[in-house]
PDB file of all heavy atoms in Angstrom:
ATOM      1  N   PRO A   1       4.007   4.129  -0.017  1.00  0.00           N
ATOM      2  CA  PRO A   1       2.935   4.269  -0.966  1.00  0.00           C
ATOM      3  C   PRO A   1       3.279   5.197  -2.070  1.00  0.00           C
ATOM      4  O   PRO A   1       2.916   4.825  -3.275  1.00  0.00           O
ATOM      5  CB  PRO A   1       1.747   4.871  -0.166  1.00  0.00           C
ATOM      6  CG  PRO A   1       2.087   4.757   1.261  1.00  0.00           C
ATOM      7  CD  PRO A   1       3.613   4.556   1.386  1.00  0.00           C
ATOM      8  N   VAL A   2       4.004   6.208  -1.852  1.00  0.00           N
ATOM      9  CA  VAL A   2       4.424   7.138  -2.956  1.00  0.00           C
ATOM     10  C   VAL A   2       5.370   6.459  -3.885  1.00  0.00           C
ATOM     11  O   VAL A   2       5.295   6.454  -5.063  1.00  0.00           O
ATOM     12  CB  VAL A   2       4.984   8.505  -2.459  1.00  0.00           C
ATOM     13  CG1 VAL A   2       5.525   9.314  -3.539  1.00  0.00           C
ATOM     14  CG2 VAL A   2       3.875   9.208  -1.747  1.00  0.00           C
ATOM     15  N   TYR A   3       6.373   5.739  -3.315  1.00  0.00           N
ATOM     16  CA  TYR A   3       7.323   4.952  -4.042  1.00  0.00           C
ATOM     17  C   TYR A   3       6.614   3.900  -4.922  1.00  0.00           C
ATOM     18  O   TYR A   3       6.976   3.753  -6.082  1.00  0.00           O
ATOM     19  CB  TYR A   3       8.337   4.321  -3.105  1.00  0.00           C
ATOM     20  CG  TYR A   3       9.319   3.354  -3.844  1.00  0.00           C
ATOM     21  CD1 TYR A   3      10.429   3.897  -4.464  1.00  0.00           C
ATOM     22  CD2 TYR A   3       9.104   2.007  -3.834  1.00  0.00           C
ATOM     23  CE1 TYR A   3      11.327   3.038  -5.210  1.00  0.00           C
ATOM     24  CE2 TYR A   3       9.992   1.132  -4.517  1.00  0.00           C
ATOM     25  CZ  TYR A   3      11.041   1.679  -5.159  1.00  0.00           C
ATOM     26  OH  TYR A   3      11.902   0.877  -5.830  1.00  0.00           O
ATOM     27  N   ALA A   4       5.713   3.203  -4.321  1.00  0.00           N
ATOM     28  CA  ALA A   4       4.994   2.149  -5.114  1.00  0.00           C
ATOM     29  C   ALA A   4       4.195   2.770  -6.219  1.00  0.00           C
ATOM     30  O   ALA A   4       4.176   2.195  -7.346  1.00  0.00           O
ATOM     31  CB  ALA A   4       4.008   1.384  -4.154  1.00  0.00           C
ATOM     32  N   PHE A   5       3.596   3.935  -6.031  1.00  0.00           N
ATOM     33  CA  PHE A   5       2.891   4.681  -7.064  1.00  0.00           C
ATOM     34  C   PHE A   5       3.873   5.081  -8.254  1.00  0.00           C
ATOM     35  O   PHE A   5       3.529   4.754  -9.356  1.00  0.00           O
ATOM     36  CB  PHE A   5       2.221   5.900  -6.521  1.00  0.00           C
ATOM     37  CG  PHE A   5       1.554   6.787  -7.532  1.00  0.00           C
ATOM     38  CD1 PHE A   5       0.419   6.361  -8.208  1.00  0.00           C
ATOM     39  CD2 PHE A   5       2.138   7.989  -7.870  1.00  0.00           C
ATOM     40  CE1 PHE A   5      -0.150   7.212  -9.192  1.00  0.00           C
ATOM     41  CE2 PHE A   5       1.517   8.855  -8.806  1.00  0.00           C
ATOM     42  CZ  PHE A   5       0.348   8.400  -9.473  1.00  0.00           C
ATOM     43  N   VAL A   6       4.980   5.649  -7.891  1.00  0.00           N
ATOM     44  CA  VAL A   6       5.948   6.039  -8.891  1.00  0.00           C
ATOM     45  C   VAL A   6       6.504   4.838  -9.631  1.00  0.00           C
ATOM     46  O   VAL A   6       6.675   4.821 -10.860  1.00  0.00           O
ATOM     47  CB  VAL A   6       7.048   6.946  -8.340  1.00  0.00           C
ATOM     48  CG1 VAL A   6       8.065   7.356  -9.411  1.00  0.00           C
ATOM     49  CG2 VAL A   6       6.487   8.201  -7.699  1.00  0.00           C
ATOM     50  N   LEU A   7       6.762   3.769  -8.910  1.00  0.00           N
ATOM     51  CA  LEU A   7       7.263   2.549  -9.487  1.00  0.00           C
ATOM     52  C   LEU A   7       6.289   1.948 -10.490  1.00  0.00           C
ATOM     53  O   LEU A   7       6.653   1.509 -11.572  1.00  0.00           O
ATOM     54  CB  LEU A   7       7.550   1.471  -8.416  1.00  0.00           C
ATOM     55  CG  LEU A   7       8.204   0.213  -8.898  1.00  0.00           C
ATOM     56  CD1 LEU A   7       9.512   0.473  -9.577  1.00  0.00           C
ATOM     57  CD2 LEU A   7       8.477  -0.786  -7.730  1.00  0.00           C
ATOM     58  N   SER A   8       5.009   2.054 -10.172  1.00  0.00           N
ATOM     59  CA  SER A   8       3.916   1.593 -11.149  1.00  0.00           C
ATOM     60  C   SER A   8       3.934   2.422 -12.446  1.00  0.00           C
ATOM     61  O   SER A   8       3.639   1.956 -13.509  1.00  0.00           O
ATOM     62  CB  SER A   8       2.578   1.607 -10.457  1.00  0.00           C
ATOM     63  OG  SER A   8       2.077   2.904 -10.302  1.00  0.00           O
ATOM     64  N   LEU A   9       4.316   3.739 -12.301  1.00  0.00           N
ATOM     65  CA  LEU A   9       4.397   4.621 -13.479  1.00  0.00           C
ATOM     66  C   LEU A   9       5.639   4.351 -14.281  1.00  0.00           C
ATOM     67  O   LEU A   9       5.583   4.232 -15.456  1.00  0.00           O
ATOM     68  CB  LEU A   9       4.399   6.117 -13.007  1.00  0.00           C
ATOM     69  CG  LEU A   9       3.129   6.683 -12.474  1.00  0.00           C
ATOM     70  CD1 LEU A   9       3.378   8.135 -11.991  1.00  0.00           C
ATOM     71  CD2 LEU A   9       1.974   6.684 -13.491  1.00  0.00           C
ATOM     72  N   SER A  10       6.806   4.294 -13.563  1.00  0.00           N
ATOM     73  CA  SER A  10       8.065   4.221 -14.244  1.00  0.00           C
ATOM     74  C   SER A  10       8.544   2.769 -14.584  1.00  0.00           C
ATOM     75  O   SER A  10       9.298   2.622 -15.521  1.00  0.00           O
ATOM     76  CB  SER A  10       9.136   4.983 -13.463  1.00  0.00           C
ATOM     77  OG  SER A  10       9.363   4.171 -12.222  1.00  0.00           O
ATOM     78  N   ARG A  11       8.130   1.929 -13.775  1.00  0.00           N
ATOM     79  CA  ARG A  11       8.601   0.456 -13.876  1.00  0.00           C
ATOM     80  C   ARG A  11      10.141   0.410 -13.784  1.00  0.00           C
ATOM     81  O   ARG A  11      10.749  -0.502 -14.425  1.00  0.00           O
ATOM     82  CB  ARG A  11       8.144  -0.176 -15.167  1.00  0.00           C
ATOM     83  CG  ARG A  11       6.658  -0.341 -15.166  1.00  0.00           C
ATOM     84  CD  ARG A  11       6.157  -1.201 -16.370  1.00  0.00           C
ATOM     85  NE  ARG A  11       4.727  -1.450 -16.184  1.00  0.00           N
ATOM     86  CZ  ARG A  11       3.820  -0.883 -16.865  1.00  0.00           C
ATOM     87  NH1 ARG A  11       4.069   0.038 -17.672  1.00  0.00           N
ATOM     88  NH2 ARG A  11       2.557  -1.255 -16.677  1.00  0.00           N
ATOM     89  N   ASP A  12      10.740   1.287 -13.044  1.00  0.00           N
ATOM     90  CA  ASP A  12      12.164   1.325 -12.860  1.00  0.00           C
ATOM     91  C   ASP A  12      12.489   1.753 -11.448  1.00  0.00           C
ATOM     92  O   ASP A  12      12.097   2.933 -11.000  1.00  0.00           O
ATOM     93  CB  ASP A  12      12.833   2.269 -13.897  1.00  0.00           C
ATOM     94  CG  ASP A  12      14.383   2.334 -13.740  1.00  0.00           C
ATOM     95  OD1 ASP A  12      14.878   2.560 -12.709  1.00  0.00           O
ATOM     96  OD2 ASP A  12      14.974   2.094 -14.830  1.00  0.00           O
ATOM     97  N   ALA A  13      13.131   0.924 -10.630  1.00  0.00           N
ATOM     98  CA  ALA A  13      13.261   1.198  -9.239  1.00  0.00           C
ATOM     99  C   ALA A  13      14.188   2.384  -9.004  1.00  0.00           C
ATOM    100  O   ALA A  13      13.845   3.233  -8.121  1.00  0.00           O
ATOM    101  CB  ALA A  13      13.962  -0.061  -8.529  1.00  0.00           C
ATOM    102  N   ALA A  14      15.195   2.630  -9.745  1.00  0.00           N
ATOM    103  CA  ALA A  14      16.081   3.778  -9.570  1.00  0.00           C
ATOM    104  C   ALA A  14      15.354   5.075  -9.878  1.00  0.00           C
ATOM    105  O   ALA A  14      15.433   6.049  -9.102  1.00  0.00           O
ATOM    106  CB  ALA A  14      17.315   3.664 -10.441  1.00  0.00           C
ATOM    107  N   ILE A  15      14.591   5.085 -10.924  1.00  0.00           N
ATOM    108  CA  ILE A  15      13.800   6.242 -11.269  1.00  0.00           C
ATOM    109  C   ILE A  15      12.744   6.483 -10.182  1.00  0.00           C
ATOM    110  O   ILE A  15      12.514   7.651  -9.778  1.00  0.00           O
ATOM    111  CB  ILE A  15      13.119   6.108 -12.705  1.00  0.00           C
ATOM    112  CG1 ILE A  15      14.206   6.091 -13.752  1.00  0.00           C
ATOM    113  CG2 ILE A  15      12.132   7.235 -12.913  1.00  0.00           C
ATOM    114  CD1 ILE A  15      13.751   5.794 -15.153  1.00  0.00           C
ATOM    115  N   ALA A  16      12.077   5.479  -9.762  1.00  0.00           N
ATOM    116  CA  ALA A  16      11.086   5.604  -8.792  1.00  0.00           C
ATOM    117  C   ALA A  16      11.631   6.170  -7.441  1.00  0.00           C
ATOM    118  O   ALA A  16      10.975   7.048  -6.852  1.00  0.00           O
ATOM    119  CB  ALA A  16      10.388   4.219  -8.454  1.00  0.00           C
ATOM    120  N   GLU A  17      12.851   5.711  -7.108  1.00  0.00           N
ATOM    121  CA  GLU A  17      13.386   6.215  -5.849  1.00  0.00           C
ATOM    122  C   GLU A  17      13.757   7.747  -6.017  1.00  0.00           C
ATOM    123  O   GLU A  17      13.490   8.536  -5.085  1.00  0.00           O
ATOM    124  CB  GLU A  17      14.664   5.462  -5.490  1.00  0.00           C
ATOM    125  CG  GLU A  17      15.183   5.771  -4.134  1.00  0.00           C
ATOM    126  CD  GLU A  17      16.255   4.811  -3.655  1.00  0.00           C
ATOM    127  OE1 GLU A  17      16.203   3.629  -4.015  1.00  0.00           O
ATOM    128  OE2 GLU A  17      17.127   5.241  -2.836  1.00  0.00           O
ATOM    129  N   ASP A  18      14.323   8.108  -7.174  1.00  0.00           N
ATOM    130  CA  ASP A  18      14.730   9.487  -7.397  1.00  0.00           C
ATOM    131  C   ASP A  18      13.510  10.424  -7.421  1.00  0.00           C
ATOM    132  O   ASP A  18      13.465  11.523  -6.779  1.00  0.00           O
ATOM    133  CB  ASP A  18      15.434   9.679  -8.749  1.00  0.00           C
ATOM    134  CG  ASP A  18      16.865   9.084  -8.721  1.00  0.00           C
ATOM    135  OD1 ASP A  18      17.369   8.846  -7.600  1.00  0.00           O
ATOM    136  OD2 ASP A  18      17.460   8.944  -9.855  1.00  0.00           O
ATOM    137  N   ILE A  19      12.423   9.965  -8.105  1.00  0.00           N
ATOM    138  CA  ILE A  19      11.210  10.792  -8.154  1.00  0.00           C
ATOM    139  C   ILE A  19      10.559  10.928  -6.828  1.00  0.00           C
ATOM    140  O   ILE A  19      10.012  11.914  -6.407  1.00  0.00           O
ATOM    141  CB  ILE A  19      10.267  10.193  -9.256  1.00  0.00           C
ATOM    142  CG1 ILE A  19      10.823  10.213 -10.652  1.00  0.00           C
ATOM    143  CG2 ILE A  19       8.909  10.966  -9.261  1.00  0.00           C
ATOM    144  CD1 ILE A  19      11.133  11.484 -11.218  1.00  0.00           C
ATOM    145  N   THR A  20      10.621   9.838  -6.035  1.00  0.00           N
ATOM    146  CA  THR A  20      10.020   9.845  -4.735  1.00  0.00           C
ATOM    147  C   THR A  20      10.727  10.855  -3.848  1.00  0.00           C
ATOM    148  O   THR A  20      10.127  11.600  -3.094  1.00  0.00           O
ATOM    149  CB  THR A  20       9.985   8.453  -4.123  1.00  0.00           C
ATOM    150  OG1 THR A  20       9.275   7.536  -4.930  1.00  0.00           O
ATOM    151  CG2 THR A  20       9.343   8.378  -2.678  1.00  0.00           C
ATOM    152  N   GLN A  21      12.061  10.794  -3.854  1.00  0.00           N
ATOM    153  CA  GLN A  21      12.815  11.754  -3.092  1.00  0.00           C
ATOM    154  C   GLN A  21      12.495  13.182  -3.534  1.00  0.00           C
ATOM    155  O   GLN A  21      12.359  14.075  -2.713  1.00  0.00           O
ATOM    156  CB  GLN A  21      14.352  11.493  -3.262  1.00  0.00           C
ATOM    157  CG  GLN A  21      14.843  10.151  -2.726  1.00  0.00           C
ATOM    158  CD  GLN A  21      14.572  10.120  -1.160  1.00  0.00           C
ATOM    159  OE1 GLN A  21      14.608  11.145  -0.475  1.00  0.00           O
ATOM    160  NE2 GLN A  21      14.329   8.908  -0.657  1.00  0.00           N
ATOM    161  N   GLU A  22      12.466  13.397  -4.803  1.00  0.00           N
ATOM    162  CA  GLU A  22      12.112  14.746  -5.346  1.00  0.00           C
ATOM    163  C   GLU A  22      10.714  15.128  -4.875  1.00  0.00           C
ATOM    164  O   GLU A  22      10.521  16.339  -4.557  1.00  0.00           O
ATOM    165  CB  GLU A  22      12.130  14.671  -6.891  1.00  0.00           C
ATOM    166  CG  GLU A  22      11.958  16.003  -7.563  1.00  0.00           C
ATOM    167  CD  GLU A  22      12.032  15.981  -9.032  1.00  0.00           C
ATOM    168  OE1 GLU A  22      12.752  15.141  -9.603  1.00  0.00           O
ATOM    169  OE2 GLU A  22      11.404  16.846  -9.682  1.00  0.00           O
ATOM    170  N   THR A  23       9.806  14.244  -4.838  1.00  0.00           N
ATOM    171  CA  THR A  23       8.471  14.493  -4.393  1.00  0.00           C
ATOM    172  C   THR A  23       8.464  15.050  -2.978  1.00  0.00           C
ATOM    173  O   THR A  23       7.805  16.037  -2.652  1.00  0.00           O
ATOM    174  CB  THR A  23       7.585  13.243  -4.452  1.00  0.00           C
ATOM    175  OG1 THR A  23       7.544  12.818  -5.841  1.00  0.00           O
ATOM    176  CG2 THR A  23       6.218  13.425  -3.969  1.00  0.00           C
ATOM    177  N   PHE A  24       9.210  14.342  -2.089  1.00  0.00           N
ATOM    178  CA  PHE A  24       9.183  14.819  -0.706  1.00  0.00           C
ATOM    179  C   PHE A  24       9.920  16.183  -0.518  1.00  0.00           C
ATOM    180  O   PHE A  24       9.598  16.941   0.288  1.00  0.00           O
ATOM    181  CB  PHE A  24       9.768  13.705   0.245  1.00  0.00           C
ATOM    182  CG  PHE A  24       8.772  12.596   0.522  1.00  0.00           C
ATOM    183  CD1 PHE A  24       8.728  11.456  -0.212  1.00  0.00           C
ATOM    184  CD2 PHE A  24       7.789  12.810   1.535  1.00  0.00           C
ATOM    185  CE1 PHE A  24       7.754  10.483   0.027  1.00  0.00           C
ATOM    186  CE2 PHE A  24       6.796  11.887   1.780  1.00  0.00           C
ATOM    187  CZ  PHE A  24       6.806  10.712   1.063  1.00  0.00           C
ATOM    188  N   LEU A  25      10.940  16.395  -1.342  1.00  0.00           N
ATOM    189  CA  LEU A  25      11.621  17.695  -1.306  1.00  0.00           C
ATOM    190  C   LEU A  25      10.659  18.808  -1.695  1.00  0.00           C
ATOM    191  O   LEU A  25      10.541  19.820  -1.040  1.00  0.00           O
ATOM    192  CB  LEU A  25      12.833  17.676  -2.274  1.00  0.00           C
ATOM    193  CG  LEU A  25      14.087  16.924  -1.673  1.00  0.00           C
ATOM    194  CD1 LEU A  25      15.150  16.954  -2.803  1.00  0.00           C
ATOM    195  CD2 LEU A  25      14.634  17.718  -0.506  1.00  0.00           C
ATOM    196  N   LYS A  26       9.909  18.545  -2.736  1.00  0.00           N
ATOM    197  CA  LYS A  26       8.894  19.502  -3.201  1.00  0.00           C
ATOM    198  C   LYS A  26       7.844  19.718  -2.213  1.00  0.00           C
ATOM    199  O   LYS A  26       7.353  20.828  -1.975  1.00  0.00           O
ATOM    200  CB  LYS A  26       8.297  19.117  -4.593  1.00  0.00           C
ATOM    201  CG  LYS A  26       9.204  19.230  -5.706  1.00  0.00           C
ATOM    202  CD  LYS A  26       8.569  18.808  -7.024  1.00  0.00           C
ATOM    203  CE  LYS A  26       9.499  19.032  -8.192  1.00  0.00           C
ATOM    204  NZ  LYS A  26       8.880  18.565  -9.515  1.00  0.00           N
ATOM    205  N   ALA A  27       7.479  18.606  -1.566  1.00  0.00           N
ATOM    206  CA  ALA A  27       6.417  18.697  -0.523  1.00  0.00           C
ATOM    207  C   ALA A  27       6.867  19.516   0.660  1.00  0.00           C
ATOM    208  O   ALA A  27       6.120  20.385   1.249  1.00  0.00           O
ATOM    209  CB  ALA A  27       6.011  17.312  -0.006  1.00  0.00           C
ATOM    210  N   ILE A  28       8.147  19.370   1.091  1.00  0.00           N
ATOM    211  CA  ILE A  28       8.712  20.178   2.187  1.00  0.00           C
ATOM    212  C   ILE A  28       8.665  21.673   1.808  1.00  0.00           C
ATOM    213  O   ILE A  28       8.241  22.492   2.626  1.00  0.00           O
ATOM    214  CB  ILE A  28      10.216  19.776   2.467  1.00  0.00           C
ATOM    215  CG1 ILE A  28      10.199  18.393   3.149  1.00  0.00           C
ATOM    216  CG2 ILE A  28      10.829  20.817   3.337  1.00  0.00           C
ATOM    217  CD1 ILE A  28      11.661  17.859   3.253  1.00  0.00           C
ATOM    218  N   LYS A  29       9.064  21.948   0.579  1.00  0.00           N
ATOM    219  CA  LYS A  29       9.062  23.335   0.186  1.00  0.00           C
ATOM    220  C   LYS A  29       7.664  23.964   0.070  1.00  0.00           C
ATOM    221  O   LYS A  29       7.516  25.138   0.227  1.00  0.00           O
ATOM    222  CB  LYS A  29       9.812  23.457  -1.191  1.00  0.00           C
ATOM    223  CG  LYS A  29      11.278  23.228  -1.136  1.00  0.00           C
ATOM    224  CD  LYS A  29      11.864  23.289  -2.524  1.00  0.00           C
ATOM    225  CE  LYS A  29      13.358  22.999  -2.497  1.00  0.00           C
ATOM    226  NZ  LYS A  29      13.967  23.015  -3.856  1.00  0.00           N
TER     227      LYS A  29
END
């Protein structure tokens, strides 16, 4: 769901994946 949300914002799969990974890293911290 987070990836789909970021993909809807960015319209770029690579950017969406990077931002999603960054999101979970920030969430862990």
